């Protein structure tokens, strides 16, 4: 088996698992886990900062990322406003996210990744065929083709901005909910 195909055996199941988890968290009651949400905020902030560094080499990428983060922040504010907070006797304090926003973000990300994959795959195959003696050439063609799109960075920035603002808003709203309803809070 060619070495470049072994990546697919790792990435396809991993991507399927990530999509399944993402979709399952867009519907129904979700327990509020403060530490997990804080960790996600930190991870998305670090990821956003690292991706912003790519803008040092190509300003269009930074513009796409920043534009996506601004749009994502606005969508995150809307998402918090459309979220319902409930108390489940078994799971404790929960929130019910708006399924339309979650579905929109999931479809947008998967659509963009699929499109970029379809566009970049022929470039990678040509680079691999042309550079049989230089194994780094196909990896370089893959990484440069896949991450050099401002529109892809806009979609990634949209997700980063959305989740940072959404999880922050959930934590703030949850604290207010607990203060307003101290008798309904389950420890």
N, C-alpha and C. Protein backbone atom coordinates (compact mmCIF):
# COMPACT_ATOMS: atom_id res chain seq x y z
N UNK A 1 0.85 -1.17 0.00
CA UNK A 1 0.00 0.00 0.00
C UNK A 1 0.89 1.24 0.00
N UNK A 2 0.59 2.20 -0.86
CA UNK A 2 1.38 3.44 -0.87
C UNK A 2 1.25 4.18 0.46
N UNK A 3 2.35 4.82 0.89
CA UNK A 3 2.31 5.47 2.20
C UNK A 3 1.29 6.60 2.30
N UNK A 4 0.99 7.30 1.20
CA UNK A 4 0.05 8.40 1.28
C UNK A 4 -1.38 7.92 1.53
N UNK A 5 -1.69 6.65 1.21
CA UNK A 5 -3.03 6.12 1.48
C UNK A 5 -3.22 5.72 2.93
N UNK A 6 -2.15 5.46 3.65
CA UNK A 6 -2.28 5.09 5.06
C UNK A 6 -2.86 6.23 5.89
N UNK A 7 -2.68 7.47 5.44
CA UNK A 7 -3.25 8.61 6.15
C UNK A 7 -4.78 8.53 6.16
N UNK A 8 -5.37 8.03 5.09
CA UNK A 8 -6.82 7.95 5.00
C UNK A 8 -7.39 6.96 6.00
N UNK A 9 -6.66 5.87 6.27
CA UNK A 9 -7.14 4.88 7.23
C UNK A 9 -7.17 5.45 8.64
N UNK A 10 -6.40 6.48 8.89
CA UNK A 10 -6.41 7.14 10.18
C UNK A 10 -7.40 8.30 10.18
N UNK A 11 -7.37 9.11 9.14
CA UNK A 11 -8.15 10.34 9.11
C UNK A 11 -9.65 10.12 8.90
N UNK A 12 -10.04 9.18 8.06
CA UNK A 12 -11.47 8.98 7.78
C UNK A 12 -12.23 8.52 9.02
N UNK A 13 -11.78 7.50 9.75
CA UNK A 13 -12.51 7.14 10.97
C UNK A 13 -12.47 8.26 12.03
N UNK A 14 -11.35 8.96 12.12
CA UNK A 14 -11.25 10.05 13.08
C UNK A 14 -12.23 11.17 12.72
N UNK A 15 -12.31 11.52 11.46
CA UNK A 15 -13.25 12.54 11.01
C UNK A 15 -14.69 12.09 11.23
N UNK A 16 -14.99 10.83 10.96
CA UNK A 16 -16.35 10.31 11.19
C UNK A 16 -16.72 10.39 12.67
N UNK A 17 -15.78 10.05 13.55
CA UNK A 17 -16.04 10.13 14.99
C UNK A 17 -16.27 11.57 15.43
N UNK A 18 -15.47 12.51 14.93
CA UNK A 18 -15.61 13.92 15.28
C UNK A 18 -16.96 14.45 14.80
N UNK A 19 -17.35 14.08 13.59
CA UNK A 19 -18.65 14.53 13.06
C UNK A 19 -19.78 13.94 13.89
N UNK A 20 -19.70 12.67 14.22
CA UNK A 20 -20.74 12.04 15.04
C UNK A 20 -20.88 12.74 16.39
N UNK A 21 -19.75 13.03 17.04
CA UNK A 21 -19.81 13.74 18.33
C UNK A 21 -20.38 15.13 18.16
N UNK A 22 -19.99 15.81 17.09
CA UNK A 22 -20.48 17.17 16.84
C UNK A 22 -21.99 17.18 16.62
N UNK A 23 -22.48 16.25 15.83
CA UNK A 23 -23.91 16.18 15.55
C UNK A 23 -24.68 15.79 16.80
N UNK A 24 -24.15 14.86 17.58
CA UNK A 24 -24.87 14.44 18.80
C UNK A 24 -24.95 15.55 19.83
N UNK A 25 -24.04 16.49 19.79
CA UNK A 25 -24.08 17.61 20.72
C UNK A 25 -24.93 18.78 20.22
N UNK A 26 -25.47 18.66 19.05
CA UNK A 26 -26.32 19.73 18.50
C UNK A 26 -27.79 19.51 18.81
N UNK A 27 -28.13 18.35 19.34
CA UNK A 27 -29.52 18.02 19.56
C UNK A 27 -29.74 17.54 20.99
N UNK A 28 -30.85 17.93 21.57
CA UNK A 28 -31.25 17.44 22.88
C UNK A 28 -30.51 18.11 24.02
N UNK A 29 -30.85 17.64 25.22
CA UNK A 29 -30.25 18.19 26.44
C UNK A 29 -28.78 17.81 26.54
N UNK A 30 -28.00 18.80 26.90
CA UNK A 30 -26.57 18.59 27.12
C UNK A 30 -26.25 19.03 28.55
N UNK A 31 -25.57 18.20 29.31
CA UNK A 31 -25.22 18.64 30.67
C UNK A 31 -24.17 19.75 30.63
N UNK A 32 -24.26 20.65 31.57
CA UNK A 32 -23.28 21.74 31.65
C UNK A 32 -22.09 21.23 32.45
N UNK A 33 -20.95 21.22 31.80
CA UNK A 33 -19.70 20.78 32.42
C UNK A 33 -18.74 21.96 32.35
N UNK A 34 -18.63 22.68 33.44
CA UNK A 34 -17.85 23.92 33.47
C UNK A 34 -16.39 23.70 33.07
N UNK A 35 -15.75 22.71 33.64
CA UNK A 35 -14.33 22.49 33.36
C UNK A 35 -14.10 22.13 31.89
N UNK A 36 -14.98 21.32 31.34
CA UNK A 36 -14.85 20.94 29.93
C UNK A 36 -15.04 22.15 29.03
N UNK A 37 -16.01 22.99 29.36
CA UNK A 37 -16.25 24.19 28.54
C UNK A 37 -15.09 25.16 28.63
N UNK A 38 -14.53 25.32 29.82
CA UNK A 38 -13.37 26.21 29.97
C UNK A 38 -12.18 25.66 29.17
N UNK A 39 -11.99 24.35 29.22
CA UNK A 39 -10.90 23.73 28.44
C UNK A 39 -11.13 23.94 26.94
N UNK A 40 -12.36 23.81 26.49
CA UNK A 40 -12.64 24.03 25.07
C UNK A 40 -12.39 25.47 24.66
N UNK A 41 -12.77 26.40 25.50
CA UNK A 41 -12.50 27.81 25.21
C UNK A 41 -11.00 28.03 25.05
N UNK A 42 -10.22 27.45 25.96
CA UNK A 42 -8.76 27.61 25.89
C UNK A 42 -8.19 26.96 24.63
N UNK A 43 -8.68 25.77 24.30
CA UNK A 43 -8.18 25.07 23.10
C UNK A 43 -8.50 25.87 21.84
N UNK A 44 -9.74 26.36 21.74
CA UNK A 44 -10.10 27.14 20.56
C UNK A 44 -9.32 28.45 20.49
N UNK A 45 -9.05 29.07 21.63
CA UNK A 45 -8.26 30.31 21.63
C UNK A 45 -6.83 30.04 21.16
N UNK A 46 -6.22 28.96 21.64
CA UNK A 46 -4.87 28.62 21.21
C UNK A 46 -4.85 28.25 19.73
N UNK A 47 -5.84 27.48 19.29
CA UNK A 47 -5.93 27.11 17.88
C UNK A 47 -6.08 28.36 17.00
N UNK A 48 -6.92 29.30 17.43
CA UNK A 48 -7.09 30.54 16.69
C UNK A 48 -5.80 31.34 16.62
N UNK A 49 -5.08 31.40 17.74
CA UNK A 49 -3.81 32.14 17.75
C UNK A 49 -2.78 31.48 16.84
N UNK A 50 -2.72 30.15 16.86
CA UNK A 50 -1.76 29.46 15.99
C UNK A 50 -2.11 29.63 14.52
N UNK A 51 -3.39 29.58 14.21
CA UNK A 51 -3.79 29.79 12.82
C UNK A 51 -3.57 31.23 12.38
N UNK A 52 -3.69 32.17 13.31
CA UNK A 52 -3.44 33.57 12.97
C UNK A 52 -1.98 33.79 12.60
N UNK A 53 -1.09 32.95 13.12
CA UNK A 53 0.32 33.05 12.76
C UNK A 53 0.54 32.76 11.28
N UNK A 54 -0.34 31.96 10.67
CA UNK A 54 -0.20 31.70 9.24
C UNK A 54 -0.43 32.97 8.43
N UNK A 55 -1.12 33.94 9.04
CA UNK A 55 -1.33 35.23 8.38
C UNK A 55 -0.06 36.04 8.25
N UNK A 56 0.98 35.66 8.98
CA UNK A 56 2.26 36.36 8.84
C UNK A 56 2.87 36.08 7.47
N UNK A 57 2.56 34.93 6.89
CA UNK A 57 3.09 34.57 5.58
C UNK A 57 2.17 34.99 4.44
N UNK A 58 0.88 34.98 4.71
CA UNK A 58 -0.09 35.31 3.67
C UNK A 58 -1.25 36.05 4.35
N UNK A 59 -1.34 37.36 4.15
CA UNK A 59 -2.29 38.20 4.86
C UNK A 59 -3.73 37.82 4.56
N UNK A 60 -4.01 37.26 3.37
CA UNK A 60 -5.37 36.87 3.03
C UNK A 60 -5.90 35.80 3.98
N UNK A 61 -5.01 34.92 4.44
CA UNK A 61 -5.42 33.89 5.39
C UNK A 61 -5.83 34.50 6.72
N UNK A 62 -5.07 35.47 7.17
CA UNK A 62 -5.41 36.14 8.43
C UNK A 62 -6.71 36.92 8.30
N UNK A 63 -6.93 37.54 7.15
CA UNK A 63 -8.18 38.27 6.93
C UNK A 63 -9.37 37.32 6.94
N UNK A 64 -9.22 36.16 6.29
CA UNK A 64 -10.30 35.17 6.28
C UNK A 64 -10.59 34.66 7.68
N UNK A 65 -9.53 34.38 8.44
CA UNK A 65 -9.69 33.90 9.81
C UNK A 65 -10.36 34.96 10.68
N UNK A 66 -9.91 36.20 10.59
CA UNK A 66 -10.49 37.27 11.40
C UNK A 66 -11.95 37.53 11.03
N UNK A 67 -12.25 37.55 9.74
CA UNK A 67 -13.63 37.74 9.30
C UNK A 67 -14.53 36.62 9.80
N UNK A 68 -14.02 35.39 9.73
CA UNK A 68 -14.79 34.25 10.23
C UNK A 68 -15.00 34.32 11.72
N UNK A 69 -13.98 34.76 12.45
CA UNK A 69 -14.12 34.86 13.91
C UNK A 69 -15.15 35.93 14.29
N UNK A 70 -15.19 37.02 13.57
CA UNK A 70 -16.18 38.07 13.85
C UNK A 70 -17.59 37.55 13.56
N UNK A 71 -17.77 36.91 12.40
CA UNK A 71 -19.08 36.34 12.09
C UNK A 71 -19.46 35.24 13.08
N UNK A 72 -18.48 34.43 13.46
CA UNK A 72 -18.73 33.37 14.43
C UNK A 72 -19.12 33.90 15.79
N UNK A 73 -18.49 35.02 16.20
CA UNK A 73 -18.84 35.63 17.48
C UNK A 73 -20.29 36.12 17.46
N UNK A 74 -20.70 36.73 16.35
CA UNK A 74 -22.10 37.18 16.23
C UNK A 74 -23.05 35.99 16.26
N UNK A 75 -22.68 34.91 15.58
CA UNK A 75 -23.50 33.71 15.58
C UNK A 75 -23.53 33.07 16.97
N UNK A 76 -22.42 33.15 17.70
CA UNK A 76 -22.36 32.63 19.07
C UNK A 76 -23.30 33.38 20.00
N UNK A 77 -23.37 34.70 19.85
CA UNK A 77 -24.30 35.50 20.66
C UNK A 77 -25.74 35.08 20.35
N UNK A 78 -26.06 34.91 19.07
CA UNK A 78 -27.38 34.46 18.69
C UNK A 78 -27.65 33.06 19.25
N UNK A 79 -26.66 32.19 19.19
CA UNK A 79 -26.81 30.83 19.71
C UNK A 79 -27.11 30.81 21.19
N UNK A 80 -26.45 31.67 21.96
CA UNK A 80 -26.71 31.73 23.40
C UNK A 80 -28.13 32.22 23.65
N UNK A 81 -28.58 33.19 22.88
CA UNK A 81 -29.94 33.72 23.05
C UNK A 81 -31.00 32.67 22.72
N UNK A 82 -30.69 31.77 21.81
CA UNK A 82 -31.65 30.74 21.41
C UNK A 82 -31.53 29.44 22.21
N UNK A 83 -30.60 29.39 23.14
CA UNK A 83 -30.39 28.21 23.97
C UNK A 83 -31.34 28.24 25.17
N UNK A 84 -31.91 27.08 25.47
CA UNK A 84 -32.76 26.95 26.66
C UNK A 84 -31.98 26.27 27.77
N UNK A 85 -32.21 26.74 29.00
CA UNK A 85 -31.59 26.14 30.16
C UNK A 85 -32.66 25.39 30.94
N UNK A 86 -32.32 24.17 31.36
CA UNK A 86 -33.26 23.34 32.09
C UNK A 86 -32.52 22.62 33.21
N UNK A 87 -33.31 22.08 34.13
CA UNK A 87 -32.75 21.25 35.19
C UNK A 87 -33.32 19.85 35.02
N UNK A 88 -32.44 18.91 34.79
CA UNK A 88 -32.82 17.51 34.65
C UNK A 88 -32.58 16.84 35.99
N UNK A 89 -33.53 16.05 36.50
CA UNK A 89 -33.32 15.42 37.81
C UNK A 89 -32.13 14.47 37.86
N UNK A 90 -31.76 13.89 36.73
CA UNK A 90 -30.65 12.93 36.70
C UNK A 90 -29.34 13.61 36.32
N UNK A 91 -29.36 14.41 35.28
CA UNK A 91 -28.13 15.00 34.74
C UNK A 91 -27.79 16.35 35.35
N UNK A 92 -28.67 16.94 36.10
CA UNK A 92 -28.40 18.24 36.71
C UNK A 92 -28.72 19.37 35.75
N UNK A 93 -27.97 20.45 35.86
CA UNK A 93 -28.19 21.62 35.01
C UNK A 93 -27.80 21.27 33.57
N UNK A 94 -28.72 21.58 32.66
CA UNK A 94 -28.52 21.25 31.25
C UNK A 94 -28.86 22.45 30.37
N UNK A 95 -28.41 22.38 29.14
CA UNK A 95 -28.81 23.36 28.15
C UNK A 95 -29.25 22.62 26.90
N UNK A 96 -30.15 23.24 26.16
CA UNK A 96 -30.63 22.68 24.91
C UNK A 96 -30.22 23.64 23.80
N UNK A 97 -29.19 23.28 23.02
CA UNK A 97 -28.73 24.19 21.97
C UNK A 97 -29.73 24.25 20.82
N UNK A 98 -29.65 25.31 20.05
CA UNK A 98 -30.48 25.44 18.87
C UNK A 98 -29.95 24.49 17.81
N UNK A 99 -30.77 23.52 17.37
CA UNK A 99 -30.27 22.53 16.42
C UNK A 99 -29.96 23.10 15.04
N UNK A 100 -30.61 24.19 14.67
CA UNK A 100 -30.39 24.75 13.34
C UNK A 100 -29.00 25.36 13.22
N UNK A 101 -28.55 26.01 14.26
CA UNK A 101 -27.21 26.61 14.21
C UNK A 101 -26.15 25.51 14.16
N UNK A 102 -26.33 24.49 15.00
CA UNK A 102 -25.38 23.38 15.00
C UNK A 102 -25.34 22.66 13.66
N UNK A 103 -26.51 22.43 13.08
CA UNK A 103 -26.57 21.76 11.77
C UNK A 103 -25.93 22.63 10.70
N UNK A 104 -26.19 23.93 10.73
CA UNK A 104 -25.61 24.85 9.75
C UNK A 104 -24.08 24.82 9.82
N UNK A 105 -23.53 24.90 11.01
CA UNK A 105 -22.07 24.91 11.16
C UNK A 105 -21.45 23.58 10.72
N UNK A 106 -22.10 22.49 11.06
CA UNK A 106 -21.58 21.18 10.67
C UNK A 106 -21.59 21.00 9.16
N UNK A 107 -22.71 21.35 8.52
CA UNK A 107 -22.81 21.22 7.07
C UNK A 107 -21.82 22.15 6.37
N UNK A 108 -21.69 23.35 6.88
CA UNK A 108 -20.75 24.31 6.29
C UNK A 108 -19.31 23.79 6.36
N UNK A 109 -18.91 23.30 7.51
CA UNK A 109 -17.55 22.78 7.65
C UNK A 109 -17.32 21.55 6.78
N UNK A 110 -18.23 20.59 6.82
CA UNK A 110 -18.04 19.39 6.02
C UNK A 110 -18.07 19.69 4.53
N UNK A 111 -18.96 20.58 4.12
CA UNK A 111 -19.01 20.96 2.71
C UNK A 111 -17.72 21.62 2.25
N UNK A 112 -17.20 22.51 3.07
CA UNK A 112 -15.95 23.19 2.69
C UNK A 112 -14.78 22.22 2.66
N UNK A 113 -14.70 21.32 3.66
CA UNK A 113 -13.61 20.35 3.67
C UNK A 113 -13.71 19.40 2.49
N UNK A 114 -14.92 18.95 2.15
CA UNK A 114 -15.09 18.06 1.01
C UNK A 114 -14.70 18.77 -0.29
N UNK A 115 -15.12 20.01 -0.44
CA UNK A 115 -14.76 20.77 -1.63
C UNK A 115 -13.24 20.92 -1.75
N UNK A 116 -12.59 21.31 -0.66
CA UNK A 116 -11.13 21.48 -0.71
C UNK A 116 -10.45 20.15 -0.98
N UNK A 117 -10.98 19.07 -0.43
CA UNK A 117 -10.40 17.75 -0.67
C UNK A 117 -10.49 17.40 -2.15
N UNK A 118 -11.64 17.66 -2.76
CA UNK A 118 -11.83 17.36 -4.18
C UNK A 118 -10.90 18.21 -5.04
N UNK A 119 -10.69 19.46 -4.66
CA UNK A 119 -9.83 20.35 -5.44
C UNK A 119 -8.36 20.01 -5.25
N UNK A 120 -7.97 19.68 -4.02
CA UNK A 120 -6.56 19.49 -3.71
C UNK A 120 -6.07 18.09 -4.07
N UNK A 121 -6.93 17.08 -4.01
CA UNK A 121 -6.49 15.71 -4.27
C UNK A 121 -5.80 15.55 -5.62
N UNK A 122 -6.33 16.08 -6.73
CA UNK A 122 -5.60 15.94 -8.01
C UNK A 122 -4.22 16.63 -7.98
N UNK A 123 -4.12 17.76 -7.27
CA UNK A 123 -2.83 18.43 -7.16
C UNK A 123 -1.83 17.56 -6.42
N UNK A 124 -2.28 16.89 -5.38
CA UNK A 124 -1.40 16.03 -4.59
C UNK A 124 -0.97 14.82 -5.42
N UNK A 125 -1.91 14.24 -6.16
CA UNK A 125 -1.57 13.09 -6.98
C UNK A 125 -0.57 13.47 -8.08
N UNK A 126 -0.73 14.65 -8.68
CA UNK A 126 0.22 15.09 -9.69
C UNK A 126 1.60 15.35 -9.08
N UNK A 127 1.61 15.96 -7.91
CA UNK A 127 2.89 16.22 -7.25
C UNK A 127 3.56 14.92 -6.84
N UNK A 128 2.76 13.95 -6.41
CA UNK A 128 3.32 12.66 -6.01
C UNK A 128 3.89 11.92 -7.22
N UNK A 129 3.18 11.97 -8.33
CA UNK A 129 3.67 11.30 -9.54
C UNK A 129 4.90 12.00 -10.09
N UNK A 130 4.96 13.32 -10.01
CA UNK A 130 6.09 14.07 -10.55
C UNK A 130 7.33 13.97 -9.67
N UNK A 131 7.13 13.74 -8.40
CA UNK A 131 8.27 13.77 -7.47
C UNK A 131 8.43 12.42 -6.77
N UNK A 132 8.56 11.35 -7.51
CA UNK A 132 8.75 10.04 -6.90
C UNK A 132 10.03 9.98 -6.08
N UNK A 133 11.04 10.72 -6.49
CA UNK A 133 12.31 10.71 -5.77
C UNK A 133 12.32 11.62 -4.55
N UNK A 134 11.39 12.56 -4.47
CA UNK A 134 11.34 13.49 -3.33
C UNK A 134 10.03 13.26 -2.57
N UNK A 135 10.05 12.45 -1.50
CA UNK A 135 8.82 12.11 -0.79
C UNK A 135 8.17 13.30 -0.09
N UNK A 136 8.91 14.35 0.20
CA UNK A 136 8.34 15.51 0.87
C UNK A 136 7.50 16.38 -0.07
N UNK A 137 7.64 16.18 -1.37
CA UNK A 137 6.93 17.04 -2.32
C UNK A 137 5.43 16.84 -2.25
N UNK A 138 4.96 15.59 -2.12
CA UNK A 138 3.50 15.38 -2.06
C UNK A 138 2.93 15.89 -0.75
N UNK A 139 3.65 15.71 0.34
CA UNK A 139 3.17 16.24 1.63
C UNK A 139 3.13 17.76 1.60
N UNK A 140 4.12 18.37 0.96
CA UNK A 140 4.15 19.83 0.86
C UNK A 140 3.00 20.31 -0.03
N UNK A 141 2.72 19.60 -1.13
CA UNK A 141 1.60 19.99 -2.00
C UNK A 141 0.28 19.85 -1.26
N UNK A 142 0.14 18.81 -0.45
CA UNK A 142 -1.08 18.61 0.32
C UNK A 142 -1.28 19.73 1.32
N UNK A 143 -0.27 20.03 2.11
CA UNK A 143 -0.43 21.04 3.15
C UNK A 143 -0.58 22.43 2.57
N UNK A 144 0.15 22.75 1.52
CA UNK A 144 0.03 24.09 0.96
C UNK A 144 -1.28 24.27 0.23
N UNK A 145 -1.78 23.22 -0.41
CA UNK A 145 -3.04 23.34 -1.12
C UNK A 145 -4.24 23.37 -0.20
N UNK A 146 -4.16 22.66 0.90
CA UNK A 146 -5.31 22.55 1.78
C UNK A 146 -5.46 23.75 2.71
N UNK A 147 -4.37 24.39 3.05
CA UNK A 147 -4.45 25.49 4.03
C UNK A 147 -4.23 26.86 3.40
N UNK A 148 -4.20 26.94 2.09
CA UNK A 148 -3.90 28.23 1.48
C UNK A 148 -5.14 28.95 0.97
N UNK A 149 -6.29 28.61 1.48
CA UNK A 149 -7.53 29.21 1.02
C UNK A 149 -8.10 30.14 2.08
N UNK A 150 -8.29 31.41 1.77
CA UNK A 150 -8.92 32.33 2.72
C UNK A 150 -10.35 31.92 3.07
N UNK A 151 -11.07 31.30 2.13
CA UNK A 151 -12.43 30.87 2.42
C UNK A 151 -12.45 29.73 3.43
N UNK A 152 -11.50 28.80 3.31
CA UNK A 152 -11.38 27.73 4.30
C UNK A 152 -11.04 28.32 5.66
N UNK A 153 -10.15 29.29 5.70
CA UNK A 153 -9.82 29.95 6.97
C UNK A 153 -11.02 30.71 7.53
N UNK A 154 -11.86 31.26 6.65
CA UNK A 154 -13.07 31.94 7.11
C UNK A 154 -14.00 30.95 7.81
N UNK A 155 -14.16 29.76 7.24
CA UNK A 155 -15.03 28.75 7.86
C UNK A 155 -14.44 28.28 9.18
N UNK A 156 -13.14 28.08 9.22
CA UNK A 156 -12.49 27.67 10.47
C UNK A 156 -12.60 28.79 11.50
N UNK A 157 -12.40 30.03 11.08
CA UNK A 157 -12.57 31.17 11.99
C UNK A 157 -13.99 31.30 12.48
N UNK A 158 -14.97 30.98 11.63
CA UNK A 158 -16.37 30.99 12.03
C UNK A 158 -16.61 30.02 13.18
N UNK A 159 -16.05 28.83 13.06
CA UNK A 159 -16.21 27.83 14.12
C UNK A 159 -15.49 28.26 15.40
N UNK A 160 -14.28 28.77 15.26
CA UNK A 160 -13.52 29.18 16.44
C UNK A 160 -14.23 30.32 17.16
N UNK A 161 -14.63 31.35 16.41
CA UNK A 161 -15.33 32.48 17.02
C UNK A 161 -16.65 32.06 17.65
N UNK A 162 -17.38 31.18 16.96
CA UNK A 162 -18.66 30.72 17.50
C UNK A 162 -18.48 29.99 18.82
N UNK A 163 -17.58 29.03 18.85
CA UNK A 163 -17.45 28.21 20.05
C UNK A 163 -16.86 28.98 21.22
N UNK A 164 -15.95 29.87 20.98
CA UNK A 164 -15.41 30.68 22.09
C UNK A 164 -16.53 31.52 22.70
N UNK A 165 -17.29 32.22 21.87
CA UNK A 165 -18.36 33.07 22.38
C UNK A 165 -19.51 32.23 22.94
N UNK A 166 -19.86 31.14 22.27
CA UNK A 166 -20.98 30.31 22.73
C UNK A 166 -20.69 29.69 24.09
N UNK A 167 -19.53 29.08 24.25
CA UNK A 167 -19.22 28.45 25.54
C UNK A 167 -19.06 29.50 26.64
N UNK A 168 -18.48 30.64 26.31
CA UNK A 168 -18.38 31.72 27.30
C UNK A 168 -19.77 32.19 27.69
N UNK A 169 -20.64 32.37 26.71
CA UNK A 169 -22.01 32.79 26.99
C UNK A 169 -22.77 31.76 27.81
N UNK A 170 -22.55 30.48 27.52
CA UNK A 170 -23.20 29.43 28.31
C UNK A 170 -22.76 29.48 29.76
N UNK A 171 -21.46 29.67 29.97
CA UNK A 171 -20.97 29.72 31.34
C UNK A 171 -21.52 30.94 32.09
N UNK A 172 -21.58 32.08 31.43
CA UNK A 172 -22.12 33.29 32.07
C UNK A 172 -23.61 33.11 32.34
N UNK A 173 -24.35 32.64 31.35
CA UNK A 173 -25.79 32.45 31.53
C UNK A 173 -26.08 31.40 32.58
N UNK A 174 -25.29 30.34 32.62
CA UNK A 174 -25.47 29.28 33.61
C UNK A 174 -25.26 29.81 35.03
N UNK A 175 -24.26 30.65 35.20
CA UNK A 175 -24.03 31.23 36.52
C UNK A 175 -25.23 32.09 36.94
N UNK A 176 -25.73 32.89 36.01
CA UNK A 176 -26.91 33.72 36.31
C UNK A 176 -28.12 32.83 36.61
N UNK A 177 -28.27 31.76 35.87
CA UNK A 177 -29.38 30.83 36.09
C UNK A 177 -29.29 30.21 37.48
N UNK A 178 -28.08 29.83 37.88
CA UNK A 178 -27.90 29.25 39.21
C UNK A 178 -28.22 30.27 40.30
N UNK A 179 -27.82 31.50 40.12
CA UNK A 179 -28.08 32.54 41.12
C UNK A 179 -29.57 32.87 41.20
N UNK A 180 -30.26 32.82 40.08
CA UNK A 180 -31.69 33.13 40.07
C UNK A 180 -32.54 31.97 40.57
N UNK A 181 -32.04 30.75 40.45
CA UNK A 181 -32.79 29.55 40.85
C UNK A 181 -31.94 28.69 41.77
N UNK A 182 -31.59 29.14 42.96
CA UNK A 182 -30.70 28.34 43.80
C UNK A 182 -31.33 27.04 44.27
N UNK A 183 -32.64 26.98 44.36
CA UNK A 183 -33.28 25.76 44.86
C UNK A 183 -33.35 24.67 43.80
N UNK A 184 -33.22 25.02 42.51
CA UNK A 184 -33.31 24.01 41.44
C UNK A 184 -31.96 23.47 41.02
N UNK A 185 -30.90 24.03 41.54
CA UNK A 185 -29.56 23.58 41.15
C UNK A 185 -29.25 22.24 41.79
N UNK A 186 -28.82 21.29 40.95
CA UNK A 186 -28.44 19.97 41.43
C UNK A 186 -26.93 19.93 41.54
N UNK A 187 -26.41 19.47 42.65
CA UNK A 187 -24.96 19.43 42.86
C UNK A 187 -24.32 18.30 42.15
